[in-house]
């Protein structure tokens, strides 16, 4: 019997809130260091067919995996609220663990594989640019702020534009 994959919307919403509050507002001292990282919003959109919906779910899973990779990539700033950051990371790990088991079993038609591969490629490029910012700026506070800002934007975009692909328990 196949397992139903659930990307829990409330957990993604909570992770967005935690990361937003963990560092507060974007600091004025970092504005001069801002870097343009084009956001691949198209990876989270579908035309409401099963293959595209699967592509969106897998894109969200890929995003969560990339977030884990970034946060394992260096020391995090002391300026962040460590309790909130720990809870954020715990939620992301939980989401990845819960979904990774069942996403491996997803069967897709051959034409959908191209769509999924394109989505993954765009996401890898996006997160690779964030990792490069961290490395180029020696994992400085401002580098982490740029990355945190991007991840907050990504999570908000998922909540606003791909919420139909998420599982909402008792959504009002």
C-alpha atoms as a PDB file:
ATOM      1  CA  UNK A   1       0.000   0.000   0.000  1.00  0.00           C
ATOM      2  CA  UNK A   2       1.387   3.421  -0.963  1.00  0.00           C
ATOM      3  CA  UNK A   3       2.090   6.016   1.683  1.00  0.00           C
ATOM      4  CA  UNK A   4       0.492   9.415   1.236  1.00  0.00           C
ATOM      5  CA  UNK A   5       3.102  12.158   1.407  1.00  0.00           C
ATOM      6  CA  UNK A   6       2.109  15.142   3.472  1.00  0.00           C
ATOM      7  CA  UNK A   7       4.022  18.390   3.525  1.00  0.00           C
ATOM      8  CA  UNK A   8       2.517  19.935   6.623  1.00  0.00           C
ATOM      9  CA  UNK A   9       1.607  23.538   5.878  1.00  0.00           C
ATOM     10  CA  UNK A  10       1.520  24.542   9.559  1.00  0.00           C
ATOM     11  CA  UNK A  11       5.110  23.349   9.978  1.00  0.00           C
ATOM     12  CA  UNK A  12       6.289  25.320   6.959  1.00  0.00           C
ATOM     13  CA  UNK A  13       4.392  28.328   8.300  1.00  0.00           C
ATOM     14  CA  UNK A  14       6.018  27.872  11.730  1.00  0.00           C
ATOM     15  CA  UNK A  15       9.490  27.527  10.202  1.00  0.00           C
ATOM     16  CA  UNK A  16       8.920  30.775   8.276  1.00  0.00           C
ATOM     17  CA  UNK A  17       7.914  32.574  11.467  1.00  0.00           C
ATOM     18  CA  UNK A  18      10.839  31.197  13.453  1.00  0.00           C
ATOM     19  CA  UNK A  19      13.444  32.133  10.859  1.00  0.00           C
ATOM     20  CA  UNK A  20      11.913  35.594  10.491  1.00  0.00           C
ATOM     21  CA  UNK A  21      12.048  36.206  14.245  1.00  0.00           C
ATOM     22  CA  UNK A  22      15.407  34.509  14.865  1.00  0.00           C
ATOM     23  CA  UNK A  23      17.297  37.420  13.344  1.00  0.00           C
ATOM     24  CA  UNK A  24      14.740  40.197  13.269  1.00  0.00           C
ATOM     25  CA  UNK A  25      14.669  42.824  10.556  1.00  0.00           C
ATOM     26  CA  UNK A  26      17.319  42.962   7.851  1.00  0.00           C
ATOM     27  CA  UNK A  27      20.083  45.113   9.367  1.00  0.00           C
ATOM     28  CA  UNK A  28      20.875  48.457   7.693  1.00  0.00           C
ATOM     29  CA  UNK A  29      24.611  47.730   8.002  1.00  0.00           C
ATOM     30  CA  UNK A  30      24.164  44.815   5.535  1.00  0.00           C
ATOM     31  CA  UNK A  31      22.281  46.721   2.828  1.00  0.00           C
ATOM     32  CA  UNK A  32      25.506  47.652   1.048  1.00  0.00           C
ATOM     33  CA  UNK A  33      26.427  43.972   0.798  1.00  0.00           C
ATOM     34  CA  UNK A  34      23.153  42.882  -0.817  1.00  0.00           C
ATOM     35  CA  UNK A  35      23.494  40.525  -3.751  1.00  0.00           C
ATOM     36  CA  UNK A  36      20.845  39.794  -6.386  1.00  0.00           C
ATOM     37  CA  UNK A  37      19.876  36.141  -6.337  1.00  0.00           C
ATOM     38  CA  UNK A  38      17.119  35.540  -8.903  1.00  0.00           C
ATOM     39  CA  UNK A  39      14.286  33.613  -7.295  1.00  0.00           C
ATOM     40  CA  UNK A  40      12.940  30.630  -9.295  1.00  0.00           C
ATOM     41  CA  UNK A  41       9.256  31.119  -8.472  1.00  0.00           C
ATOM     42  CA  UNK A  42       8.183  29.023 -11.443  1.00  0.00           C
ATOM     43  CA  UNK A  43       9.284  25.815  -9.681  1.00  0.00           C
ATOM     44  CA  UNK A  44       6.399  26.218  -7.223  1.00  0.00           C
ATOM     45  CA  UNK A  45       3.672  26.736  -9.812  1.00  0.00           C
ATOM     46  CA  UNK A  46       1.483  24.170 -11.517  1.00  0.00           C
ATOM     47  CA  UNK A  47      -1.410  24.070 -13.923  1.00  0.00           C
ATOM     48  CA  UNK A  48      -3.292  21.803 -11.519  1.00  0.00           C
ATOM     49  CA  UNK A  49      -2.601  18.449 -13.136  1.00  0.00           C
ATOM     50  CA  UNK A  50      -1.300  15.486 -11.163  1.00  0.00           C
ATOM     51  CA  UNK A  51       2.200  15.493 -12.662  1.00  0.00           C
ATOM     52  CA  UNK A  52       2.672  19.211 -12.083  1.00  0.00           C
ATOM     53  CA  UNK A  53       1.324  18.943  -8.529  1.00  0.00           C
ATOM     54  CA  UNK A  54       3.847  16.151  -7.936  1.00  0.00           C
ATOM     55  CA  UNK A  55       6.543  18.412  -9.384  1.00  0.00           C
ATOM     56  CA  UNK A  56       5.613  21.183  -6.938  1.00  0.00           C
ATOM     57  CA  UNK A  57       5.678  18.798  -3.964  1.00  0.00           C
ATOM     58  CA  UNK A  58       9.074  17.468  -5.017  1.00  0.00           C
ATOM     59  CA  UNK A  59      10.319  21.058  -5.509  1.00  0.00           C
ATOM     60  CA  UNK A  60       9.276  21.886  -1.953  1.00  0.00           C
ATOM     61  CA  UNK A  61      11.100  18.764  -0.694  1.00  0.00           C
ATOM     62  CA  UNK A  62      14.174  19.746  -2.696  1.00  0.00           C
ATOM     63  CA  UNK A  63      13.994  23.237  -1.185  1.00  0.00           C
ATOM     64  CA  UNK A  64      13.898  21.823   2.343  1.00  0.00           C
ATOM     65  CA  UNK A  65      16.884  19.570   1.590  1.00  0.00           C
ATOM     66  CA  UNK A  66      18.829  22.544   0.262  1.00  0.00           C
ATOM     67  CA  UNK A  67      17.987  24.572   3.379  1.00  0.00           C
ATOM     68  CA  UNK A  68      19.462  21.772   5.499  1.00  0.00           C
ATOM     69  CA  UNK A  69      22.614  21.811   3.364  1.00  0.00           C
ATOM     70  CA  UNK A  70      23.019  25.568   3.752  1.00  0.00           C
ATOM     71  CA  UNK A  71      22.639  25.494   7.511  1.00  0.00           C
ATOM     72  CA  UNK A  72      25.177  22.692   7.795  1.00  0.00           C
ATOM     73  CA  UNK A  73      27.596  24.808   5.772  1.00  0.00           C
ATOM     74  CA  UNK A  74      29.165  26.949   8.476  1.00  0.00           C
ATOM     75  CA  UNK A  75      28.858  28.611  11.826  1.00  0.00           C
ATOM     76  CA  UNK A  76      25.669  30.559  12.295  1.00  0.00           C
ATOM     77  CA  UNK A  77      25.780  34.122  13.628  1.00  0.00           C
ATOM     78  CA  UNK A  78      25.705  34.612  17.387  1.00  0.00           C
ATOM     79  CA  UNK A  79      23.271  37.478  16.819  1.00  0.00           C
ATOM     80  CA  UNK A  80      20.493  35.000  16.008  1.00  0.00           C
ATOM     81  CA  UNK A  81      18.132  33.705  18.680  1.00  0.00           C
ATOM     82  CA  UNK A  82      19.578  30.213  19.096  1.00  0.00           C
ATOM     83  CA  UNK A  83      16.371  28.728  20.535  1.00  0.00           C
ATOM     84  CA  UNK A  84      14.327  29.872  17.536  1.00  0.00           C
ATOM     85  CA  UNK A  85      17.038  28.791  15.116  1.00  0.00           C
ATOM     86  CA  UNK A  86      17.253  25.347  16.728  1.00  0.00           C
ATOM     87  CA  UNK A  87      13.479  24.918  16.482  1.00  0.00           C
ATOM     88  CA  UNK A  88      13.567  26.110  12.856  1.00  0.00           C
ATOM     89  CA  UNK A  89      16.228  23.552  11.974  1.00  0.00           C
ATOM     90  CA  UNK A  90      14.380  20.818  13.879  1.00  0.00           C
ATOM     91  CA  UNK A  91      11.187  21.501  11.901  1.00  0.00           C
ATOM     92  CA  UNK A  92      13.031  21.473   8.572  1.00  0.00           C
ATOM     93  CA  UNK A  93      14.750  18.175   9.491  1.00  0.00           C
ATOM     94  CA  UNK A  94      11.390  16.726  10.555  1.00  0.00           C
ATOM     95  CA  UNK A  95       9.721  17.743   7.290  1.00  0.00           C
ATOM     96  CA  UNK A  96      12.551  16.260   5.247  1.00  0.00           C
ATOM     97  CA  UNK A  97      12.555  13.003   7.222  1.00  0.00           C
ATOM     98  CA  UNK A  98       8.785  12.629   6.977  1.00  0.00           C
ATOM     99  CA  UNK A  99       8.672  13.245   3.251  1.00  0.00           C
ATOM    100  CA  UNK A 100      11.910  11.648   2.059  1.00  0.00           C
ATOM    101  CA  UNK A 101      10.676   8.123   2.705  1.00  0.00           C
ATOM    102  CA  UNK A 102       7.573   8.508   0.587  1.00  0.00           C
ATOM    103  CA  UNK A 103       8.917  10.767  -2.183  1.00  0.00           C
ATOM    104  CA  UNK A 104      11.296   8.013  -3.269  1.00  0.00           C
ATOM    105  CA  UNK A 105       8.268   5.861  -4.111  1.00  0.00           C
ATOM    106  CA  UNK A 106       6.543   8.457  -6.282  1.00  0.00           C
ATOM    107  CA  UNK A 107       6.037   7.194  -9.821  1.00  0.00           C
ATOM    108  CA  UNK A 108       5.898   9.816 -12.565  1.00  0.00           C
ATOM    109  CA  UNK A 109       5.291   9.613 -16.286  1.00  0.00           C
ATOM    110  CA  UNK A 110       8.322  10.070 -18.505  1.00  0.00           C
ATOM    111  CA  UNK A 111       7.243  13.529 -19.724  1.00  0.00           C
ATOM    112  CA  UNK A 112       6.851  14.662 -16.101  1.00  0.00           C
ATOM    113  CA  UNK A 113      10.433  13.615 -15.323  1.00  0.00           C
ATOM    114  CA  UNK A 114      11.702  16.438 -17.531  1.00  0.00           C
ATOM    115  CA  UNK A 115       9.573  18.965 -15.624  1.00  0.00           C
ATOM    116  CA  UNK A 116      10.811  17.633 -12.285  1.00  0.00           C
ATOM    117  CA  UNK A 117      14.436  17.645 -13.459  1.00  0.00           C
ATOM    118  CA  UNK A 118      14.068  21.258 -14.632  1.00  0.00           C
ATOM    119  CA  UNK A 119      12.614  22.273 -11.264  1.00  0.00           C
ATOM    120  CA  UNK A 120      15.476  20.587  -9.396  1.00  0.00           C
ATOM    121  CA  UNK A 121      18.062  22.220 -11.648  1.00  0.00           C
ATOM    122  CA  UNK A 122      16.632  25.701 -11.034  1.00  0.00           C
ATOM    123  CA  UNK A 123      16.535  25.118  -7.287  1.00  0.00           C
ATOM    124  CA  UNK A 124      20.088  23.788  -7.191  1.00  0.00           C
ATOM    125  CA  UNK A 125      21.308  26.884  -9.055  1.00  0.00           C
ATOM    126  CA  UNK A 126      19.411  29.143  -6.632  1.00  0.00           C
ATOM    127  CA  UNK A 127      20.817  27.478  -3.533  1.00  0.00           C
ATOM    128  CA  UNK A 128      24.273  27.208  -5.075  1.00  0.00           C
ATOM    129  CA  UNK A 129      24.269  31.012  -5.418  1.00  0.00           C
ATOM    130  CA  UNK A 130      23.353  31.349  -1.754  1.00  0.00           C
ATOM    131  CA  UNK A 131      26.160  28.972  -0.763  1.00  0.00           C
ATOM    132  CA  UNK A 132      28.552  31.027  -2.906  1.00  0.00           C
ATOM    133  CA  UNK A 133      27.508  34.223  -1.099  1.00  0.00           C
ATOM    134  CA  UNK A 134      28.286  32.578   2.235  1.00  0.00           C
ATOM    135  CA  UNK A 135      31.687  31.394   1.028  1.00  0.00           C
ATOM    136  CA  UNK A 136      32.629  34.642  -0.736  1.00  0.00           C
ATOM    137  CA  UNK A 137      31.747  36.641   2.359  1.00  0.00           C
ATOM    138  CA  UNK A 138      33.449  34.160   4.711  1.00  0.00           C
ATOM    139  CA  UNK A 139      30.186  33.183   6.425  1.00  0.00           C
ATOM    140  CA  UNK A 140      29.895  36.691   7.857  1.00  0.00           C
ATOM    141  CA  UNK A 141      26.817  37.975   9.653  1.00  0.00           C
ATOM    142  CA  UNK A 142      25.744  39.961   6.573  1.00  0.00           C
ATOM    143  CA  UNK A 143      26.215  36.921   4.326  1.00  0.00           C
ATOM    144  CA  UNK A 144      23.925  34.919   6.604  1.00  0.00           C
ATOM    145  CA  UNK A 145      21.428  37.780   6.612  1.00  0.00           C
ATOM    146  CA  UNK A 146      21.308  37.701   2.804  1.00  0.00           C
ATOM    147  CA  UNK A 147      20.721  33.942   2.883  1.00  0.00           C
ATOM    148  CA  UNK A 148      18.167  34.193   5.698  1.00  0.00           C
ATOM    149  CA  UNK A 149      16.282  36.864   3.756  1.00  0.00           C
ATOM    150  CA  UNK A 150      16.191  34.590   0.676  1.00  0.00           C
ATOM    151  CA  UNK A 151      14.987  31.568   2.630  1.00  0.00           C
ATOM    152  CA  UNK A 152      12.285  33.615   4.363  1.00  0.00           C
ATOM    153  CA  UNK A 153      11.158  34.820   0.932  1.00  0.00           C
ATOM    154  CA  UNK A 154      11.172  31.246  -0.409  1.00  0.00           C
ATOM    155  CA  UNK A 155       9.109  29.879   2.470  1.00  0.00           C
ATOM    156  CA  UNK A 156       6.638  32.780   2.184  1.00  0.00           C
ATOM    157  CA  UNK A 157       6.338  32.165  -1.562  1.00  0.00           C
ATOM    158  CA  UNK A 158       5.587  28.486  -0.956  1.00  0.00           C
ATOM    159  CA  UNK A 159       2.922  29.413   1.583  1.00  0.00           C
ATOM    160  CA  UNK A 160       1.371  32.027  -0.714  1.00  0.00           C
ATOM    161  CA  UNK A 161       1.612  30.263  -4.079  1.00  0.00           C
ATOM    162  CA  UNK A 162       1.879  26.533  -3.431  1.00  0.00           C
ATOM    163  CA  UNK A 163      -0.317  26.082  -0.378  1.00  0.00           C
ATOM    164  CA  UNK A 164      -2.625  23.741  -2.324  1.00  0.00           C
ATOM    165  CA  UNK A 165       0.296  21.289  -2.433  1.00  0.00           C
ATOM    166  CA  UNK A 166       0.582  21.353   1.360  1.00  0.00           C
ATOM    167  CA  UNK A 167      -1.378  19.371   3.917  1.00  0.00           C
ATOM    168  CA  UNK A 168      -3.379  21.579   6.279  1.00  0.00           C
ATOM    169  CA  UNK A 169      -4.955  19.962   9.323  1.00  0.00           C
ATOM    170  CA  UNK A 170      -8.093  21.878  10.317  1.00  0.00           C
ATOM    171  CA  UNK A 171      -7.295  24.830   8.066  1.00  0.00           C
ATOM    172  CA  UNK A 172      -9.627  27.760   8.555  1.00  0.00           C
END
